[in-house]
Amino acid sequence: MLMTILLALAGCVLLFLMIWEATLTMPFSALAKNFPPDVQERLKPRLENLPLTPKRVVGGIILVILILAWGGIFLVAGIDGKAHGFGYWDYAIRFLVIGMAVKAFDIGCLDFILLTKTKFFQHYFPETEGCEGWQQFGYNRKQQTRQCIIIPICCLLCALVFTYL
C-alpha cells in the first residue's frame, strides 16, 4: 500500500509540474482551451501571435517527458505488482487509488485552490487579471465528469493487461 500511496503522490506532483511547465512556456497554444472562456478570449491576441521560440520548443519537449513520466507511474505500479504476485483486483485497486487520487488532486487543489484562490495563472498571463473565469470553480464540469468516468475504465483495463502479462 505504501508503494501505491507514493505513486499517487508522484502522480500529483507530475500533474502540477505539467501544468506549471505548460503555463510557463505555453508550448502549444491549444493548451489554453483548458482555461475559462473569458480567459481564453483575453489570451487570444497573445496566442495568435505566439512565435515559435526555443523556450516553447524546450517546453514542448519537457511536457512530453512529464507526460511519459506520468504514464511511467502506472508502468512502475504494474511491474511492482507483478513482483508481488498481484491478481486482477489487487491491480485494479492500486490503479484506481492512483488514478482517482490524482483526479481528486486535480479538482480540489489545482482547479479549486490554484485556479480560484491564488493568482498563479494571472502571474504568467497578466492580461487576464480581472477575468471572472478565475473565480468560476466548476466551469469545466463536463470535462471533469468525463475524466471521472474514463479514469476508472482505463484503470480497470490496465489491471486486466497486467494480470495477463
C-alpha atoms as a PDB file:
ATOM      1  CA  MET A   1       0.000   0.000   0.000  1.00  0.00           C
ATOM      2  CA  LEU A   2       2.909   2.331   0.676  1.00  0.00           C
ATOM      3  CA  MET A   3       4.060   1.997  -2.940  1.00  0.00           C
ATOM      4  CA  THR A   4       0.560   2.870  -4.144  1.00  0.00           C
ATOM      5  CA  ILE A   5       0.465   5.999  -1.990  1.00  0.00           C
ATOM      6  CA  LEU A   6       3.938   7.063  -3.126  1.00  0.00           C
ATOM      7  CA  LEU A   7       2.982   6.571  -6.763  1.00  0.00           C
ATOM      8  CA  ALA A   8      -0.243   8.549  -6.268  1.00  0.00           C
ATOM      9  CA  LEU A   9       1.755  11.394  -4.703  1.00  0.00           C
ATOM     10  CA  ALA A  10       4.230  11.236  -7.590  1.00  0.00           C
ATOM     11  CA  GLY A  11       1.277  11.469  -9.996  1.00  0.00           C
ATOM     12  CA  CYS A  12       0.013  14.587  -8.221  1.00  0.00           C
ATOM     13  CA  VAL A  13       3.450  16.208  -8.325  1.00  0.00           C
ATOM     14  CA  LEU A  14       3.861  15.377 -12.016  1.00  0.00           C
ATOM     15  CA  LEU A  15       0.417  16.774 -12.830  1.00  0.00           C
ATOM     16  CA  PHE A  16       1.279  20.046 -11.081  1.00  0.00           C
ATOM     17  CA  LEU A  17       4.640  20.191 -12.878  1.00  0.00           C
ATOM     18  CA  MET A  18       2.905  19.628 -16.231  1.00  0.00           C
ATOM     19  CA  ILE A  19       0.515  22.498 -15.571  1.00  0.00           C
ATOM     20  CA  TRP A  20       3.256  24.789 -14.301  1.00  0.00           C
ATOM     21  CA  GLU A  21       5.563  23.980 -17.204  1.00  0.00           C
ATOM     22  CA  ALA A  22       2.810  24.430 -19.790  1.00  0.00           C
ATOM     23  CA  THR A  23       1.822  27.735 -18.197  1.00  0.00           C
ATOM     24  CA  LEU A  24       5.417  28.943 -18.104  1.00  0.00           C
ATOM     25  CA  THR A  25       6.352  28.050 -21.681  1.00  0.00           C
ATOM     26  CA  MET A  26       2.957  27.651 -23.463  1.00  0.00           C
ATOM     27  CA  PRO A  27       4.470  25.138 -25.890  1.00  0.00           C
ATOM     28  CA  PHE A  28       1.125  24.631 -27.673  1.00  0.00           C
ATOM     29  CA  SER A  29      -1.483  27.376 -27.935  1.00  0.00           C
ATOM     30  CA  ALA A  30      -4.183  24.662 -27.796  1.00  0.00           C
ATOM     31  CA  LEU A  31      -3.391  24.246 -24.082  1.00  0.00           C
ATOM     32  CA  ALA A  32      -5.273  27.494 -23.449  1.00  0.00           C
ATOM     33  CA  LYS A  33      -8.537  25.703 -24.281  1.00  0.00           C
ATOM     34  CA  ASN A  34      -8.441  24.393 -20.717  1.00  0.00           C
ATOM     35  CA  PHE A  35      -8.959  27.901 -19.336  1.00  0.00           C
ATOM     36  CA  PRO A  36     -12.356  29.522 -18.694  1.00  0.00           C
ATOM     37  CA  PRO A  37     -13.959  31.078 -21.832  1.00  0.00           C
ATOM     38  CA  ASP A  38     -13.393  34.722 -20.830  1.00  0.00           C
ATOM     39  CA  VAL A  39      -9.721  33.972 -20.091  1.00  0.00           C
ATOM     40  CA  GLN A  40      -9.350  32.310 -23.493  1.00  0.00           C
ATOM     41  CA  GLU A  41     -10.825  35.419 -25.095  1.00  0.00           C
ATOM     42  CA  ARG A  42      -8.333  37.708 -23.334  1.00  0.00           C
ATOM     43  CA  LEU A  43      -5.444  35.406 -24.284  1.00  0.00           C
ATOM     44  CA  LYS A  44      -6.461  35.218 -27.956  1.00  0.00           C
ATOM     45  CA  PRO A  45      -4.269  38.156 -29.147  1.00  0.00           C
ATOM     46  CA  ARG A  46      -1.245  36.732 -27.350  1.00  0.00           C
ATOM     47  CA  LEU A  47      -1.809  33.205 -28.674  1.00  0.00           C
ATOM     48  CA  GLU A  48      -2.441  34.323 -32.262  1.00  0.00           C
ATOM     49  CA  ASN A  49       0.985  35.964 -32.362  1.00  0.00           C
ATOM     50  CA  LEU A  50       2.829  33.290 -30.421  1.00  0.00           C
ATOM     51  CA  PRO A  51       6.213  32.870 -32.133  1.00  0.00           C
ATOM     52  CA  LEU A  52       7.988  29.546 -32.209  1.00  0.00           C
ATOM     53  CA  THR A  53      10.841  30.205 -29.808  1.00  0.00           C
ATOM     54  CA  PRO A  54      13.455  27.896 -28.306  1.00  0.00           C
ATOM     55  CA  LYS A  55      11.671  28.309 -24.962  1.00  0.00           C
ATOM     56  CA  ARG A  56       8.454  26.911 -26.460  1.00  0.00           C
ATOM     57  CA  VAL A  57      10.259  24.043 -28.193  1.00  0.00           C
ATOM     58  CA  VAL A  58      12.058  23.062 -24.987  1.00  0.00           C
ATOM     59  CA  GLY A  59       8.754  23.476 -23.148  1.00  0.00           C
ATOM     60  CA  GLY A  60       7.101  21.045 -25.543  1.00  0.00           C
ATOM     61  CA  ILE A  61       9.888  18.516 -25.043  1.00  0.00           C
ATOM     62  CA  ILE A  62       9.700  18.850 -21.261  1.00  0.00           C
ATOM     63  CA  LEU A  63       5.920  18.484 -21.378  1.00  0.00           C
ATOM     64  CA  VAL A  64       6.208  15.263 -23.390  1.00  0.00           C
ATOM     65  CA  ILE A  65       8.791  13.936 -20.906  1.00  0.00           C
ATOM     66  CA  LEU A  66       6.479  14.761 -17.973  1.00  0.00           C
ATOM     67  CA  ILE A  67       3.545  13.042 -19.703  1.00  0.00           C
ATOM     68  CA  LEU A  68       5.681   9.947 -20.310  1.00  0.00           C
ATOM     69  CA  ALA A  69       6.812  10.028 -16.664  1.00  0.00           C
ATOM     70  CA  TRP A  70       3.169  10.219 -15.593  1.00  0.00           C
ATOM     71  CA  GLY A  71       2.418   7.152 -17.701  1.00  0.00           C
ATOM     72  CA  GLY A  72       5.525   5.542 -16.221  1.00  0.00           C
ATOM     73  CA  ILE A  73       3.892   5.690 -12.799  1.00  0.00           C
ATOM     74  CA  PHE A  74       1.373   3.095 -13.961  1.00  0.00           C
ATOM     75  CA  LEU A  75       4.122   1.024 -15.531  1.00  0.00           C
ATOM     76  CA  VAL A  76       6.076   1.022 -12.246  1.00  0.00           C
ATOM     77  CA  ALA A  77       2.857   0.175 -10.379  1.00  0.00           C
ATOM     78  CA  GLY A  78       2.261  -2.752 -12.709  1.00  0.00           C
ATOM     79  CA  ILE A  79       5.821  -4.074 -12.602  1.00  0.00           C
ATOM     80  CA  ASP A  80       5.888  -3.818  -8.810  1.00  0.00           C
ATOM     81  CA  GLY A  81       2.543  -5.621  -8.665  1.00  0.00           C
ATOM     82  CA  LYS A  82       3.930  -8.403 -10.845  1.00  0.00           C
ATOM     83  CA  ALA A  83       6.874  -8.772  -8.473  1.00  0.00           C
ATOM     84  CA  HIS A  84       4.448  -9.087  -5.553  1.00  0.00           C
ATOM     85  CA  GLY A  85       2.111 -11.567  -7.246  1.00  0.00           C
ATOM     86  CA  PHE A  86      -0.849  -9.231  -7.710  1.00  0.00           C
ATOM     87  CA  GLY A  87      -4.100 -10.544  -9.095  1.00  0.00           C
ATOM     88  CA  TYR A  88      -6.659  -8.565 -11.064  1.00  0.00           C
ATOM     89  CA  TRP A  89      -8.344  -6.929  -8.063  1.00  0.00           C
ATOM     90  CA  ASP A  90      -5.010  -6.019  -6.462  1.00  0.00           C
ATOM     91  CA  TYR A  91      -4.033  -4.211  -9.652  1.00  0.00           C
ATOM     92  CA  ALA A  92      -7.489  -2.682 -10.032  1.00  0.00           C
ATOM     93  CA  ILE A  93      -7.431  -1.232  -6.528  1.00  0.00           C
ATOM     94  CA  ARG A  94      -3.873   0.059  -6.959  1.00  0.00           C
ATOM     95  CA  PHE A  95      -4.595   1.727 -10.293  1.00  0.00           C
ATOM     96  CA  LEU A  96      -7.924   3.136  -9.081  1.00  0.00           C
ATOM     97  CA  VAL A  97      -6.299   4.613  -5.967  1.00  0.00           C
ATOM     98  CA  ILE A  98      -3.579   6.245  -8.064  1.00  0.00           C
ATOM     99  CA  GLY A  99      -5.912   7.480 -10.804  1.00  0.00           C
ATOM    100  CA  MET A 100      -8.621   8.812  -8.520  1.00  0.00           C
ATOM    101  CA  ALA A 101      -6.141  10.383  -6.080  1.00  0.00           C
ATOM    102  CA  VAL A 102      -4.619  12.330  -8.957  1.00  0.00           C
ATOM    103  CA  LYS A 103      -8.103  13.321 -10.187  1.00  0.00           C
ATOM    104  CA  ALA A 104      -9.099  14.465  -6.682  1.00  0.00           C
ATOM    105  CA  PHE A 105      -5.876  16.492  -6.505  1.00  0.00           C
ATOM    106  CA  ASP A 106      -6.674  17.981  -9.903  1.00  0.00           C
ATOM    107  CA  ILE A 107     -10.168  19.064  -8.878  1.00  0.00           C
ATOM    108  CA  GLY A 108      -9.500  20.009  -5.255  1.00  0.00           C
ATOM    109  CA  CYS A 109      -6.055  21.544  -5.392  1.00  0.00           C
ATOM    110  CA  LEU A 110      -5.492  22.629  -8.964  1.00  0.00           C
ATOM    111  CA  ASP A 111      -8.972  23.687 -10.033  1.00  0.00           C
ATOM    112  CA  PHE A 112     -10.240  24.965  -6.706  1.00  0.00           C
ATOM    113  CA  ILE A 113      -7.166  26.332  -4.924  1.00  0.00           C
ATOM    114  CA  LEU A 114      -4.738  27.139  -7.742  1.00  0.00           C
ATOM    115  CA  LEU A 115      -7.371  28.474 -10.133  1.00  0.00           C
ATOM    116  CA  THR A 116      -9.762  30.327  -7.834  1.00  0.00           C
ATOM    117  CA  LYS A 117      -7.842  31.132  -4.649  1.00  0.00           C
ATOM    118  CA  THR A 118      -4.416  32.156  -5.907  1.00  0.00           C
ATOM    119  CA  LYS A 119      -3.240  34.406  -8.718  1.00  0.00           C
ATOM    120  CA  PHE A 120      -0.965  31.716 -10.130  1.00  0.00           C
ATOM    121  CA  PHE A 121      -2.133  31.990 -13.745  1.00  0.00           C
ATOM    122  CA  GLN A 122      -2.513  35.780 -13.640  1.00  0.00           C
ATOM    123  CA  HIS A 123       1.171  35.980 -12.721  1.00  0.00           C
ATOM    124  CA  TYR A 124       2.060  34.355 -16.059  1.00  0.00           C
ATOM    125  CA  PHE A 125      -0.809  35.894 -18.039  1.00  0.00           C
ATOM    126  CA  PRO A 126      -1.227  39.429 -16.612  1.00  0.00           C
ATOM    127  CA  GLU A 127      -3.654  40.385 -19.384  1.00  0.00           C
ATOM    128  CA  THR A 128      -6.189  38.020 -17.793  1.00  0.00           C
ATOM    129  CA  GLU A 129      -6.221  39.892 -14.479  1.00  0.00           C
ATOM    130  CA  GLY A 130      -9.825  40.612 -13.503  1.00  0.00           C
ATOM    131  CA  CYS A 131     -11.379  37.839 -15.597  1.00  0.00           C
ATOM    132  CA  GLU A 132     -14.383  36.338 -13.817  1.00  0.00           C
ATOM    133  CA  GLY A 133     -13.408  32.889 -15.079  1.00  0.00           C
ATOM    134  CA  TRP A 134     -10.652  32.720 -12.487  1.00  0.00           C
ATOM    135  CA  GLN A 135     -13.365  32.634  -9.820  1.00  0.00           C
ATOM    136  CA  GLN A 136     -15.671  30.134 -11.532  1.00  0.00           C
ATOM    137  CA  PHE A 137     -14.903  26.815  -9.909  1.00  0.00           C
ATOM    138  CA  GLY A 138     -16.582  24.118 -11.933  1.00  0.00           C
ATOM    139  CA  TYR A 139     -16.522  25.921 -15.286  1.00  0.00           C
ATOM    140  CA  ASN A 140     -15.108  22.688 -16.757  1.00  0.00           C
ATOM    141  CA  ARG A 141     -17.574  20.368 -15.035  1.00  0.00           C
ATOM    142  CA  LYS A 142     -18.347  18.369 -18.199  1.00  0.00           C
ATOM    143  CA  GLN A 143     -14.667  17.724 -18.896  1.00  0.00           C
ATOM    144  CA  GLN A 144     -14.042  16.689 -15.277  1.00  0.00           C
ATOM    145  CA  THR A 145     -17.091  14.397 -15.291  1.00  0.00           C
ATOM    146  CA  ARG A 146     -15.883  12.718 -18.492  1.00  0.00           C
ATOM    147  CA  GLN A 147     -12.460  12.186 -16.928  1.00  0.00           C
ATOM    148  CA  CYS A 148     -14.021  10.786 -13.745  1.00  0.00           C
ATOM    149  CA  ILE A 149     -15.738   8.184 -15.939  1.00  0.00           C
ATOM    150  CA  ILE A 150     -12.777   7.455 -18.236  1.00  0.00           C
ATOM    151  CA  ILE A 151     -10.121   7.137 -15.499  1.00  0.00           C
ATOM    152  CA  PRO A 152     -11.709   4.142 -13.704  1.00  0.00           C
ATOM    153  CA  ILE A 153     -12.334   2.409 -17.025  1.00  0.00           C
ATOM    154  CA  CYS A 154      -8.679   2.879 -18.029  1.00  0.00           C
ATOM    155  CA  CYS A 155      -7.529   1.726 -14.586  1.00  0.00           C
ATOM    156  CA  LEU A 156      -9.595  -1.458 -14.853  1.00  0.00           C
ATOM    157  CA  LEU A 157      -8.250  -2.098 -18.343  1.00  0.00           C
ATOM    158  CA  CYS A 158      -4.656  -1.568 -17.123  1.00  0.00           C
ATOM    159  CA  ALA A 159      -5.357  -4.054 -14.334  1.00  0.00           C
ATOM    160  CA  LEU A 160      -6.555  -6.548 -16.916  1.00  0.00           C
ATOM    161  CA  VAL A 161      -3.449  -6.046 -19.066  1.00  0.00           C
ATOM    162  CA  PHE A 162      -1.048  -6.505 -16.163  1.00  0.00           C
ATOM    163  CA  THR A 163      -2.952  -9.524 -14.893  1.00  0.00           C
ATOM    164  CA  TYR A 164      -2.348 -11.355 -18.161  1.00  0.00           C
ATOM    165  CA  LEU A 165       1.227 -10.204 -18.850  1.00  0.00           C
END
